[in-house]
Amino acid sequence: QQVGHVEIAEVNEVSQWLAELVRDNNLPQKVFMLHQFQLQMIRDRDQMVHHPELATVVHVDGHGSPEAKMHTWDVIREDMQPWVWMAWKNFIDEDKPMLNAEQTMGIEPRPWFVSFQ
């Protein structure tokens, strides 16, 4: 199985476009969500540009045991820009065992967004 990646230039281009759309149309802040479960998936992430029109979220969507997921969470959030919100995904069929709501909300730092698949 091959895992894709994106260069930070493409991420910045899309976020700039969305920020301009929001600003030019006087819209409320929008969520700009990126999915990542390996560092190589978003290349040069430290060069990501901040736009106040966007709530930038990195959705950590790896699956597996709670220990494996926490390791992925810790690796992905390392050196994360302070303006980036963190999100967590629980996989109903793939996580063994899947964290319950209390366990999920006990993750530090607490996820800003949680999804189930």
PDB file of N, CA and C in Angstrom:
ATOM      1  N   GLN A   1       0.837  -1.183   0.000  1.00  0.00           N
ATOM      2  CA  GLN A   1       0.000   0.000   0.000  1.00  0.00           C
ATOM      3  C   GLN A   1       0.879   1.242   0.000  1.00  0.00           C
ATOM      4  N   GLN A   2       0.583   2.170  -0.884  1.00  0.00           N
ATOM      5  CA  GLN A   2       1.350   3.402  -0.996  1.00  0.00           C
ATOM      6  C   GLN A   2       0.581   4.544  -0.340  1.00  0.00           C
ATOM      7  N   VAL A   3       1.273   5.320   0.478  1.00  0.00           N
ATOM      8  CA  VAL A   3       0.674   6.476   1.135  1.00  0.00           C
ATOM      9  C   VAL A   3       1.121   7.718   0.384  1.00  0.00           C
ATOM     10  N   GLY A   4       0.178   8.559   0.024  1.00  0.00           N
ATOM     11  CA  GLY A   4       0.491   9.768  -0.733  1.00  0.00           C
ATOM     12  C   GLY A   4       1.063  10.870   0.140  1.00  0.00           C
ATOM     13  N   HIS A   5       1.403  11.961  -0.517  1.00  0.00           N
ATOM     14  CA  HIS A   5       1.940  13.124   0.180  1.00  0.00           C
ATOM     15  C   HIS A   5       1.566  14.385  -0.595  1.00  0.00           C
ATOM     16  N   VAL A   6       1.771  15.511   0.055  1.00  0.00           N
ATOM     17  CA  VAL A   6       1.544  16.803  -0.578  1.00  0.00           C
ATOM     18  C   VAL A   6       2.700  17.720  -0.193  1.00  0.00           C
ATOM     19  N   GLU A   7       3.127  18.524  -1.139  1.00  0.00           N
ATOM     20  CA  GLU A   7       4.173  19.512  -0.863  1.00  0.00           C
ATOM     21  C   GLU A   7       3.524  20.716  -0.178  1.00  0.00           C
ATOM     22  N   ILE A   8       4.264  21.370   0.694  1.00  0.00           N
ATOM     23  CA  ILE A   8       3.709  22.499   1.432  1.00  0.00           C
ATOM     24  C   ILE A   8       3.319  23.643   0.507  1.00  0.00           C
ATOM     25  N   ALA A   9       3.970  23.783  -0.630  1.00  0.00           N
ATOM     26  CA  ALA A   9       3.597  24.841  -1.580  1.00  0.00           C
ATOM     27  C   ALA A   9       2.144  24.678  -2.026  1.00  0.00           C
ATOM     28  N   GLU A  10       1.720  23.439  -2.243  1.00  0.00           N
ATOM     29  CA  GLU A  10       0.336  23.197  -2.659  1.00  0.00           C
ATOM     30  C   GLU A  10      -0.638  23.492  -1.516  1.00  0.00           C
ATOM     31  N   VAL A  11      -0.284  23.092  -0.306  1.00  0.00           N
ATOM     32  CA  VAL A  11      -1.118  23.391   0.860  1.00  0.00           C
ATOM     33  C   VAL A  11      -1.267  24.902   1.007  1.00  0.00           C
ATOM     34  N   ASN A  12      -0.147  25.625   0.908  1.00  0.00           N
ATOM     35  CA  ASN A  12      -0.183  27.081   1.058  1.00  0.00           C
ATOM     36  C   ASN A  12      -0.977  27.755  -0.056  1.00  0.00           C
ATOM     37  N   GLU A  13      -0.888  27.223  -1.255  1.00  0.00           N
ATOM     38  CA  GLU A  13      -1.648  27.783  -2.376  1.00  0.00           C
ATOM     39  C   GLU A  13      -3.153  27.646  -2.129  1.00  0.00           C
ATOM     40  N   VAL A  14      -3.567  26.477  -1.685  1.00  0.00           N
ATOM     41  CA  VAL A  14      -4.992  26.241  -1.427  1.00  0.00           C
ATOM     42  C   VAL A  14      -5.468  27.075  -0.238  1.00  0.00           C
ATOM     43  N   SER A  15      -4.672  27.134   0.823  1.00  0.00           N
ATOM     44  CA  SER A  15      -5.091  27.916   1.993  1.00  0.00           C
ATOM     45  C   SER A  15      -5.165  29.403   1.658  1.00  0.00           C
ATOM     46  N   GLN A  16      -4.265  29.892   0.821  1.00  0.00           N
ATOM     47  CA  GLN A  16      -4.308  31.293   0.388  1.00  0.00           C
ATOM     48  C   GLN A  16      -5.593  31.562  -0.400  1.00  0.00           C
ATOM     49  N   TRP A  17      -5.929  30.656  -1.316  1.00  0.00           N
ATOM     50  CA  TRP A  17      -7.151  30.800  -2.111  1.00  0.00           C
ATOM     51  C   TRP A  17      -8.384  30.845  -1.205  1.00  0.00           C
ATOM     52  N   LEU A  18      -8.454  29.915  -0.245  1.00  0.00           N
ATOM     53  CA  LEU A  18      -9.610  29.860   0.645  1.00  0.00           C
ATOM     54  C   LEU A  18      -9.669  31.096   1.542  1.00  0.00           C
ATOM     55  N   ALA A  19      -8.535  31.524   2.070  1.00  0.00           N
ATOM     56  CA  ALA A  19      -8.500  32.720   2.921  1.00  0.00           C
ATOM     57  C   ALA A  19      -8.970  33.950   2.147  1.00  0.00           C
ATOM     58  N   GLU A  20      -8.546  34.079   0.901  1.00  0.00           N
ATOM     59  CA  GLU A  20      -8.982  35.208   0.071  1.00  0.00           C
ATOM     60  C   GLU A  20     -10.485  35.145  -0.195  1.00  0.00           C
ATOM     61  N   LEU A  21     -11.002  33.956  -0.459  1.00  0.00           N
ATOM     62  CA  LEU A  21     -12.438  33.785  -0.684  1.00  0.00           C
ATOM     63  C   LEU A  21     -13.228  34.230   0.549  1.00  0.00           C
ATOM     64  N   VAL A  22     -12.774  33.821   1.712  1.00  0.00           N
ATOM     65  CA  VAL A  22     -13.435  34.188   2.967  1.00  0.00           C
ATOM     66  C   VAL A  22     -13.371  35.700   3.169  1.00  0.00           C
ATOM     67  N   ARG A  23     -12.183  36.262   3.017  1.00  0.00           N
ATOM     68  CA  ARG A  23     -11.978  37.698   3.232  1.00  0.00           C
ATOM     69  C   ARG A  23     -12.771  38.536   2.224  1.00  0.00           C
ATOM     70  N   ASP A  24     -12.661  38.190   0.951  1.00  0.00           N
ATOM     71  CA  ASP A  24     -13.311  38.974  -0.111  1.00  0.00           C
ATOM     72  C   ASP A  24     -14.829  38.947  -0.026  1.00  0.00           C
ATOM     73  N   ASN A  25     -15.376  37.900   0.556  1.00  0.00           N
ATOM     74  CA  ASN A  25     -16.830  37.764   0.651  1.00  0.00           C
ATOM     75  C   ASN A  25     -17.359  37.981   2.065  1.00  0.00           C
ATOM     76  N   ASN A  26     -16.466  38.481   2.934  1.00  0.00           N
ATOM     77  CA  ASN A  26     -16.843  38.791   4.308  1.00  0.00           C
ATOM     78  C   ASN A  26     -17.546  37.607   4.985  1.00  0.00           C
ATOM     79  N   LEU A  27     -16.954  36.427   4.824  1.00  0.00           N
ATOM     80  CA  LEU A  27     -17.511  35.196   5.378  1.00  0.00           C
ATOM     81  C   LEU A  27     -16.913  34.914   6.751  1.00  0.00           C
ATOM     82  N   PRO A  28     -17.593  34.120   7.568  1.00  0.00           N
ATOM     83  CA  PRO A  28     -17.003  33.714   8.845  1.00  0.00           C
ATOM     84  C   PRO A  28     -15.822  32.765   8.609  1.00  0.00           C
ATOM     85  N   GLN A  29     -14.982  32.654   9.615  1.00  0.00           N
ATOM     86  CA  GLN A  29     -13.811  31.780   9.544  1.00  0.00           C
ATOM     87  C   GLN A  29     -14.217  30.375   9.104  1.00  0.00           C
ATOM     88  N   LYS A  30     -13.380  29.744   8.277  1.00  0.00           N
ATOM     89  CA  LYS A  30     -13.624  28.396   7.761  1.00  0.00           C
ATOM     90  C   LYS A  30     -12.587  27.422   8.307  1.00  0.00           C
ATOM     91  N   VAL A  31     -12.997  26.166   8.446  1.00  0.00           N
ATOM     92  CA  VAL A  31     -12.073  25.098   8.833  1.00  0.00           C
ATOM     93  C   VAL A  31     -11.284  24.671   7.600  1.00  0.00           C
ATOM     94  N   PHE A  32      -9.972  24.596   7.754  1.00  0.00           N
ATOM     95  CA  PHE A  32      -9.074  24.103   6.707  1.00  0.00           C
ATOM     96  C   PHE A  32      -8.421  22.857   7.290  1.00  0.00           C
ATOM     97  N   MET A  33      -8.929  21.670   6.919  1.00  0.00           N
ATOM     98  CA  MET A  33      -8.513  20.425   7.559  1.00  0.00           C
ATOM     99  C   MET A  33      -7.571  19.623   6.678  1.00  0.00           C
ATOM    100  N   LEU A  34      -6.451  19.237   7.275  1.00  0.00           N
ATOM    101  CA  LEU A  34      -5.448  18.400   6.621  1.00  0.00           C
ATOM    102  C   LEU A  34      -5.402  17.067   7.351  1.00  0.00           C
ATOM    103  N   HIS A  35      -5.317  15.973   6.607  1.00  0.00           N
ATOM    104  CA  HIS A  35      -5.246  14.641   7.206  1.00  0.00           C
ATOM    105  C   HIS A  35      -3.799  14.166   7.170  1.00  0.00           C
ATOM    106  N   GLN A  36      -3.326  13.660   8.305  1.00  0.00           N
ATOM    107  CA  GLN A  36      -1.933  13.219   8.375  1.00  0.00           C
ATOM    108  C   GLN A  36      -1.797  12.113   9.408  1.00  0.00           C
ATOM    109  N   PHE A  37      -1.116  11.019   9.000  1.00  0.00           N
ATOM    110  CA  PHE A  37      -0.766   9.979   9.967  1.00  0.00           C
ATOM    111  C   PHE A  37       0.678   9.528   9.813  1.00  0.00           C
ATOM    112  N   GLN A  38       1.398  10.140   8.880  1.00  0.00           N
ATOM    113  CA  GLN A  38       2.845   9.955   8.742  1.00  0.00           C
ATOM    114  C   GLN A  38       3.450  11.327   8.470  1.00  0.00           C
ATOM    115  N   LEU A  39       4.651  11.566   9.003  1.00  0.00           N
ATOM    116  CA  LEU A  39       5.280  12.871   8.806  1.00  0.00           C
ATOM    117  C   LEU A  39       5.471  13.206   7.336  1.00  0.00           C
ATOM    118  N   GLN A  40       5.797  12.217   6.514  1.00  0.00           N
ATOM    119  CA  GLN A  40       6.083  12.476   5.103  1.00  0.00           C
ATOM    120  C   GLN A  40       4.852  12.891   4.300  1.00  0.00           C
ATOM    121  N   MET A  41       3.669  12.778   4.876  1.00  0.00           N
ATOM    122  CA  MET A  41       2.446  13.083   4.125  1.00  0.00           C
ATOM    123  C   MET A  41       2.295  14.571   3.818  1.00  0.00           C
ATOM    124  N   ILE A  42       2.765  15.446   4.716  1.00  0.00           N
ATOM    125  CA  ILE A  42       2.756  16.892   4.472  1.00  0.00           C
ATOM    126  C   ILE A  42       4.205  17.340   4.550  1.00  0.00           C
ATOM    127  N   ARG A  43       4.821  17.473   3.395  1.00  0.00           N
ATOM    128  CA  ARG A  43       6.254  17.780   3.327  1.00  0.00           C
ATOM    129  C   ARG A  43       6.518  19.237   3.711  1.00  0.00           C
ATOM    130  N   ASP A  44       7.531  19.445   4.563  1.00  0.00           N
ATOM    131  CA  ASP A  44       7.926  20.786   5.022  1.00  0.00           C
ATOM    132  C   ASP A  44       6.774  21.512   5.719  1.00  0.00           C
ATOM    133  N   ARG A  45       6.064  20.783   6.546  1.00  0.00           N
ATOM    134  CA  ARG A  45       4.896  21.330   7.242  1.00  0.00           C
ATOM    135  C   ARG A  45       5.233  22.571   8.062  1.00  0.00           C
ATOM    136  N   ASP A  46       6.479  22.676   8.519  1.00  0.00           N
ATOM    137  CA  ASP A  46       6.885  23.839   9.312  1.00  0.00           C
ATOM    138  C   ASP A  46       6.809  25.143   8.516  1.00  0.00           C
ATOM    139  N   GLN A  47       6.674  25.053   7.195  1.00  0.00           N
ATOM    140  CA  GLN A  47       6.572  26.236   6.342  1.00  0.00           C
ATOM    141  C   GLN A  47       5.119  26.584   6.005  1.00  0.00           C
ATOM    142  N   MET A  48       4.178  25.942   6.674  1.00  0.00           N
ATOM    143  CA  MET A  48       2.769  26.224   6.434  1.00  0.00           C
ATOM    144  C   MET A  48       2.466  27.663   6.860  1.00  0.00           C
ATOM    145  N   VAL A  49       1.705  28.361   6.027  1.00  0.00           N
ATOM    146  CA  VAL A  49       1.371  29.765   6.258  1.00  0.00           C
ATOM    147  C   VAL A  49       0.060  29.870   7.039  1.00  0.00           C
ATOM    148  N   HIS A  50       0.061  30.749   8.037  1.00  0.00           N
ATOM    149  CA  HIS A  50      -1.130  30.980   8.857  1.00  0.00           C
ATOM    150  C   HIS A  50      -2.016  32.047   8.225  1.00  0.00           C
ATOM    151  N   HIS A  51      -3.312  31.791   8.211  1.00  0.00           N
ATOM    152  CA  HIS A  51      -4.308  32.754   7.738  1.00  0.00           C
ATOM    153  C   HIS A  51      -5.373  32.879   8.825  1.00  0.00           C
ATOM    154  N   PRO A  52      -5.592  34.071   9.379  1.00  0.00           N
ATOM    155  CA  PRO A  52      -6.600  34.212  10.433  1.00  0.00           C
ATOM    156  C   PRO A  52      -8.019  33.907   9.961  1.00  0.00           C
ATOM    157  N   GLU A  53      -8.237  33.919   8.657  1.00  0.00           N
ATOM    158  CA  GLU A  53      -9.559  33.584   8.113  1.00  0.00           C
ATOM    159  C   GLU A  53      -9.858  32.094   8.210  1.00  0.00           C
ATOM    160  N   LEU A  54      -8.825  31.294   8.517  1.00  0.00           N
ATOM    161  CA  LEU A  54      -8.963  29.838   8.543  1.00  0.00           C
ATOM    162  C   LEU A  54      -8.626  29.285   9.922  1.00  0.00           C
ATOM    163  N   ALA A  55      -9.388  28.292  10.351  1.00  0.00           N
ATOM    164  CA  ALA A  55      -9.033  27.487  11.517  1.00  0.00           C
ATOM    165  C   ALA A  55      -8.352  26.244  10.950  1.00  0.00           C
ATOM    166  N   THR A  56      -7.029  26.237  10.976  1.00  0.00           N
ATOM    167  CA  THR A  56      -6.265  25.134  10.392  1.00  0.00           C
ATOM    168  C   THR A  56      -6.237  23.971  11.373  1.00  0.00           C
ATOM    169  N   VAL A  57      -6.604  22.794  10.870  1.00  0.00           N
ATOM    170  CA  VAL A  57      -6.713  21.593  11.696  1.00  0.00           C
ATOM    171  C   VAL A  57      -5.901  20.477  11.048  1.00  0.00           C
ATOM    172  N   VAL A  58      -5.087  19.787  11.840  1.00  0.00           N
ATOM    173  CA  VAL A  58      -4.427  18.567  11.374  1.00  0.00           C
ATOM    174  C   VAL A  58      -5.168  17.400  12.015  1.00  0.00           C
ATOM    175  N   HIS A  59      -5.772  16.592  11.164  1.00  0.00           N
ATOM    176  CA  HIS A  59      -6.590  15.451  11.576  1.00  0.00           C
ATOM    177  C   HIS A  59      -5.697  14.210  11.574  1.00  0.00           C
ATOM    178  N   VAL A  60      -5.344  13.749  12.757  1.00  0.00           N
ATOM    179  CA  VAL A  60      -4.482  12.574  12.897  1.00  0.00           C
ATOM    180  C   VAL A  60      -5.372  11.348  12.775  1.00  0.00           C
ATOM    181  N   ASP A  61      -5.240  10.659  11.640  1.00  0.00           N
ATOM    182  CA  ASP A  61      -6.202   9.592  11.342  1.00  0.00           C
ATOM    183  C   ASP A  61      -5.563   8.223  11.155  1.00  0.00           C
ATOM    184  N   GLY A  62      -4.550   7.921  11.969  1.00  0.00           N
ATOM    185  CA  GLY A  62      -3.988   6.579  11.941  1.00  0.00           C
ATOM    186  C   GLY A  62      -4.886   5.603  12.683  1.00  0.00           C
ATOM    187  N   HIS A  63      -4.726   4.315  12.408  1.00  0.00           N
ATOM    188  CA  HIS A  63      -5.550   3.321  13.104  1.00  0.00           C
ATOM    189  C   HIS A  63      -4.660   2.261  13.726  1.00  0.00           C
ATOM    190  N   GLY A  64      -5.247   1.507  14.668  1.00  0.00           N
ATOM    191  CA  GLY A  64      -4.511   0.447  15.345  1.00  0.00           C
ATOM    192  C   GLY A  64      -4.822   0.415  16.825  1.00  0.00           C
ATOM    193  N   SER A  65      -3.859  -0.053  17.599  1.00  0.00           N
ATOM    194  CA  SER A  65      -4.029  -0.145  19.049  1.00  0.00           C
ATOM    195  C   SER A  65      -3.978   1.261  19.653  1.00  0.00           C
ATOM    196  N   PRO A  66      -4.514   1.426  20.863  1.00  0.00           N
ATOM    197  CA  PRO A  66      -4.420   2.739  21.513  1.00  0.00           C
ATOM    198  C   PRO A  66      -2.976   3.225  21.643  1.00  0.00           C
ATOM    199  N   GLU A  67      -2.055   2.308  21.925  1.00  0.00           N
ATOM    200  CA  GLU A  67      -0.648   2.693  22.059  1.00  0.00           C
ATOM    201  C   GLU A  67      -0.080   3.183  20.727  1.00  0.00           C
ATOM    202  N   ALA A  68      -0.399   2.484  19.651  1.00  0.00           N
ATOM    203  CA  ALA A  68       0.081   2.891  18.323  1.00  0.00           C
ATOM    204  C   ALA A  68      -0.511   4.236  17.931  1.00  0.00           C
ATOM    205  N   LYS A  69      -1.794   4.442  18.222  1.00  0.00           N
ATOM    206  CA  LYS A  69      -2.444   5.707  17.884  1.00  0.00           C
ATOM    207  C   LYS A  69      -1.846   6.861  18.690  1.00  0.00           C
ATOM    208  N   MET A  70      -1.559   6.634  19.965  1.00  0.00           N
ATOM    209  CA  MET A  70      -0.959   7.687  20.786  1.00  0.00           C
ATOM    210  C   MET A  70       0.443   8.022  20.294  1.00  0.00           C
ATOM    211  N   HIS A  71       1.179   7.007  19.858  1.00  0.00           N
ATOM    212  CA  HIS A  71       2.509   7.264  19.301  1.00  0.00           C
ATOM    213  C   HIS A  71       2.391   8.144  18.053  1.00  0.00           C
ATOM    214  N   THR A  72       1.459   7.804  17.166  1.00  0.00           N
ATOM    215  CA  THR A  72       1.242   8.611  15.961  1.00  0.00           C
ATOM    216  C   THR A  72       0.847  10.028  16.346  1.00  0.00           C
ATOM    217  N   TRP A  73      -0.057  10.170  17.298  1.00  0.00           N
ATOM    218  CA  TRP A  73      -0.512  11.482  17.784  1.00  0.00           C
ATOM    219  C   TRP A  73       0.674  12.318  18.255  1.00  0.00           C
ATOM    220  N   ASP A  74       1.532  11.703  19.076  1.00  0.00           N
ATOM    221  CA  ASP A  74       2.685  12.422  19.617  1.00  0.00           C
ATOM    222  C   ASP A  74       3.671  12.822  18.526  1.00  0.00           C
ATOM    223  N   VAL A  75       3.916  11.928  17.577  1.00  0.00           N
ATOM    224  CA  VAL A  75       4.855  12.226  16.485  1.00  0.00           C
ATOM    225  C   VAL A  75       4.315  13.353  15.607  1.00  0.00           C
ATOM    226  N   ILE A  76       3.048  13.279  15.234  1.00  0.00           N
ATOM    227  CA  ILE A  76       2.470  14.279  14.330  1.00  0.00           C
ATOM    228  C   ILE A  76       2.398  15.650  14.996  1.00  0.00           C
ATOM    229  N   ARG A  77       2.091  15.720  16.267  1.00  0.00           N
ATOM    230  CA  ARG A  77       1.942  17.031  16.904  1.00  0.00           C
ATOM    231  C   ARG A  77       3.274  17.648  17.342  1.00  0.00           C
ATOM    232  N   GLU A  78       4.351  16.885  17.243  1.00  0.00           N
ATOM    233  CA  GLU A  78       5.670  17.416  17.590  1.00  0.00           C
ATOM    234  C   GLU A  78       6.018  18.578  16.654  1.00  0.00           C
ATOM    235  N   ASP A  79       6.472  19.677  17.223  1.00  0.00           N
ATOM    236  CA  ASP A  79       6.851  20.878  16.471  1.00  0.00           C
ATOM    237  C   ASP A  79       5.691  21.478  15.679  1.00  0.00           C
ATOM    238  N   MET A  80       4.468  21.217  16.099  1.00  0.00           N
ATOM    239  CA  MET A  80       3.299  21.783  15.425  1.00  0.00           C
ATOM    240  C   MET A  80       3.216  23.277  15.735  1.00  0.00           C
ATOM    241  N   GLN A  81       2.850  24.046  14.742  1.00  0.00           N
ATOM    242  CA  GLN A  81       2.669  25.471  14.947  1.00  0.00           C
ATOM    243  C   GLN A  81       1.560  25.693  15.979  1.00  0.00           C
ATOM    244  N   PRO A  82       1.698  26.721  16.833  1.00  0.00           N
ATOM    245  CA  PRO A  82       0.724  26.931  17.912  1.00  0.00           C
ATOM    246  C   PRO A  82      -0.670  27.315  17.426  1.00  0.00           C
ATOM    247  N   TRP A  83      -0.799  27.750  16.203  1.00  0.00           N
ATOM    248  CA  TRP A  83      -2.106  28.156  15.658  1.00  0.00           C
ATOM    249  C   TRP A  83      -2.839  27.006  14.967  1.00  0.00           C
ATOM    250  N   VAL A  84      -2.259  25.813  14.991  1.00  0.00           N
ATOM    251  CA  VAL A  84      -2.888  24.641  14.374  1.00  0.00           C
ATOM    252  C   VAL A  84      -3.663  23.868  15.441  1.00  0.00           C
ATOM    253  N   TRP A  85      -4.912  23.561  15.137  1.00  0.00           N
ATOM    254  CA  TRP A  85      -5.753  22.752  16.012  1.00  0.00           C
ATOM    255  C   TRP A  85      -5.535  21.275  15.675  1.00  0.00           C
ATOM    256  N   MET A  86      -5.670  20.417  16.682  1.00  0.00           N
ATOM    257  CA  MET A  86      -5.460  18.988  16.485  1.00  0.00           C
ATOM    258  C   MET A  86      -6.794  18.243  16.503  1.00  0.00           C
ATOM    259  N   ALA A  87      -6.907  17.255  15.609  1.00  0.00           N
ATOM    260  CA  ALA A  87      -8.115  16.437  15.515  1.00  0.00           C
ATOM    261  C   ALA A  87      -7.735  14.958  15.581  1.00  0.00           C
ATOM    262  N   TRP A  88      -8.655  14.143  16.026  1.00  0.00           N
ATOM    263  CA  TRP A  88      -8.442  12.706  16.261  1.00  0.00           C
ATOM    264  C   TRP A  88      -9.514  11.920  15.521  1.00  0.00           C
ATOM    265  N   LYS A  89      -9.132  10.755  14.996  1.00  0.00           N
ATOM    266  CA  LYS A  89     -10.114   9.880  14.350  1.00  0.00           C
ATOM    267  C   LYS A  89     -10.117   8.518  15.037  1.00  0.00           C
ATOM    268  N   ASN A  90     -11.317   8.043  15.381  1.00  0.00           N
ATOM    269  CA  ASN A  90     -11.509   6.677  15.859  1.00  0.00           C
ATOM    270  C   ASN A  90     -12.055   5.843  14.711  1.00  0.00           C
ATOM    271  N   PHE A  91     -11.423   4.699  14.472  1.00  0.00           N
ATOM    272  CA  PHE A  91     -11.892   3.767  13.444  1.00  0.00           C
ATOM    273  C   PHE A  91     -12.689   2.666  14.132  1.00  0.00           C
ATOM    274  N   ILE A  92     -13.952   2.576  13.819  1.00  0.00           N
ATOM    275  CA  ILE A  92     -14.859   1.644  14.488  1.00  0.00           C
ATOM    276  C   ILE A  92     -14.425   0.196  14.286  1.00  0.00           C
ATOM    277  N   ASP A  93     -14.024  -0.181  13.078  1.00  0.00           N
ATOM    278  CA  ASP A  93     -13.659  -1.568  12.779  1.00  0.00           C
ATOM    279  C   ASP A  93     -12.163  -1.848  12.866  1.00  0.00           C
ATOM    280  N   GLU A  94     -11.318  -0.839  12.654  1.00  0.00           N
ATOM    281  CA  GLU A  94      -9.874  -1.082  12.582  1.00  0.00           C
ATOM    282  C   GLU A  94      -9.143  -0.896  13.906  1.00  0.00           C
ATOM    283  N   ASP A  95      -9.646  -0.038  14.804  1.00  0.00           N
ATOM    284  CA  ASP A  95      -8.980   0.182  16.088  1.00  0.00           C
ATOM    285  C   ASP A  95      -9.314  -0.966  17.029  1.00  0.00           C
ATOM    286  N   LYS A  96      -8.280  -1.560  17.598  1.00  0.00           N
ATOM    287  CA  LYS A  96      -8.452  -2.718  18.485  1.00  0.00           C
ATOM    288  C   LYS A  96      -7.741  -2.471  19.809  1.00  0.00           C
ATOM    289  N   PRO A  97      -8.460  -2.123  20.863  1.00  0.00           N
ATOM    290  CA  PRO A  97      -9.860  -1.716  20.902  1.00  0.00           C
ATOM    291  C   PRO A  97      -9.993  -0.232  20.558  1.00  0.00           C
ATOM    292  N   MET A  98     -11.185   0.153  20.126  1.00  0.00           N
ATOM    293  CA  MET A  98     -11.436   1.564  19.852  1.00  0.00           C
ATOM    294  C   MET A  98     -11.607   2.300  21.180  1.00  0.00           C
ATOM    295  N   LEU A  99     -11.042   3.491  21.280  1.00  0.00           N
ATOM    296  CA  LEU A  99     -11.216   4.291  22.486  1.00  0.00           C
ATOM    297  C   LEU A  99     -12.676   4.716  22.620  1.00  0.00           C
ATOM    298  N   ASN A 100     -13.184   4.683  23.852  1.00  0.00           N
ATOM    299  CA  ASN A 100     -14.538   5.181  24.077  1.00  0.00           C
ATOM    300  C   ASN A 100     -14.491   6.709  24.190  1.00  0.00           C
ATOM    301  N   ALA A 101     -15.651   7.331  24.358  1.00  0.00           N
ATOM    302  CA  ALA A 101     -15.720   8.794  24.382  1.00  0.00           C
ATOM    303  C   ALA A 101     -14.883   9.382  25.514  1.00  0.00           C
ATOM    304  N   GLU A 102     -14.959   8.800  26.697  1.00  0.00           N
ATOM    305  CA  GLU A 102     -14.202   9.310  27.840  1.00  0.00           C
ATOM    306  C   GLU A 102     -12.699   9.205  27.589  1.00  0.00           C
ATOM    307  N   GLN A 103     -12.252   8.073  27.066  1.00  0.00           N
ATOM    308  CA  GLN A 103     -10.830   7.898  26.759  1.00  0.00           C
ATOM    309  C   GLN A 103     -10.380   8.880  25.678  1.00  0.00           C
ATOM    310  N   THR A 104     -11.202   9.055  24.656  1.00  0.00           N
ATOM    311  CA  THR A 104     -10.852   9.969  23.570  1.00  0.00           C
ATOM    312  C   THR A 104     -10.716  11.395  24.092  1.00  0.00           C
ATOM    313  N   MET A 105     -11.647  11.830  24.916  1.00  0.00           N
ATOM    314  CA  MET A 105     -11.590  13.194  25.438  1.00  0.00           C
ATOM    315  C   MET A 105     -10.529  13.356  26.521  1.00  0.00           C
ATOM    316  N   GLY A 106      -9.935  12.251  26.963  1.00  0.00           N
ATOM    317  CA  GLY A 106      -8.840  12.304  27.921  1.00  0.00           C
ATOM    318  C   GLY A 106      -7.476  12.453  27.273  1.00  0.00           C
ATOM    319  N   ILE A 107      -7.432  12.421  25.954  1.00  0.00           N
ATOM    320  CA  ILE A 107      -6.167  12.576  25.229  1.00  0.00           C
ATOM    321  C   ILE A 107      -5.627  13.978  25.475  1.00  0.00           C
ATOM    322  N   GLU A 108      -4.316  14.062  25.664  1.00  0.00           N
ATOM    323  CA  GLU A 108      -3.654  15.358  25.850  1.00  0.00           C
ATOM    324  C   GLU A 108      -2.710  15.632  24.690  1.00  0.00           C
ATOM    325  N   PRO A 109      -2.754  16.815  24.118  1.00  0.00           N
ATOM    326  CA  PRO A 109      -3.794  17.797  24.373  1.00  0.00           C
ATOM    327  C   PRO A 109      -5.129  17.309  23.821  1.00  0.00           C
ATOM    328  N   ARG A 110      -6.193  17.780  24.428  1.00  0.00           N
ATOM    329  CA  ARG A 110      -7.539  17.338  24.037  1.00  0.00           C
ATOM    330  C   ARG A 110      -7.796  17.698  22.575  1.00  0.00           C
ATOM    331  N   PRO A 111      -8.273  16.733  21.778  1.00  0.00           N
ATOM    332  CA  PRO A 111      -8.573  17.030  20.369  1.00  0.00           C
ATOM    333  C   PRO A 111      -9.659  18.102  20.248  1.00  0.00           C
ATOM    334  N   TRP A 112      -9.464  18.990  19.283  1.00  0.00           N
ATOM    335  CA  TRP A 112     -10.438  20.038  18.997  1.00  0.00           C
ATOM    336  C   TRP A 112     -11.622  19.459  18.230  1.00  0.00           C
ATOM    337  N   PHE A 113     -11.364  18.376  17.501  1.00  0.00           N
ATOM    338  CA  PHE A 113     -12.365  17.738  16.644  1.00  0.00           C
ATOM    339  C   PHE A 113     -12.134  16.236  16.717  1.00  0.00           C
ATOM    340  N   VAL A 114     -13.207  15.453  16.785  1.00  0.00           N
ATOM    341  CA  VAL A 114     -13.110  13.992  16.799  1.00  0.00           C
ATOM    342  C   VAL A 114     -14.051  13.451  15.734  1.00  0.00           C
ATOM    343  N   SER A 115     -13.549  12.484  14.950  1.00  0.00           N
ATOM    344  CA  SER A 115     -14.405  11.838  13.950  1.00  0.00           C
ATOM    345  C   SER A 115     -14.371  10.329  14.153  1.00  0.00           C
ATOM    346  N   PHE A 116     -15.387   9.677  13.620  1.00  0.00           N
ATOM    347  CA  PHE A 116     -15.505   8.224  13.665  1.00  0.00           C
ATOM    348  C   PHE A 116     -15.714   7.722  12.249  1.00  0.00           C
ATOM    349  N   GLN A 117     -15.019   6.660  11.918  1.00  0.00           N
ATOM    350  CA  GLN A 117     -15.187   6.041  10.593  1.00  0.00           C
ATOM    351  C   GLN A 117     -15.308   4.553  10.766  1.00  0.00           C
TER     352      GLN A 117
END
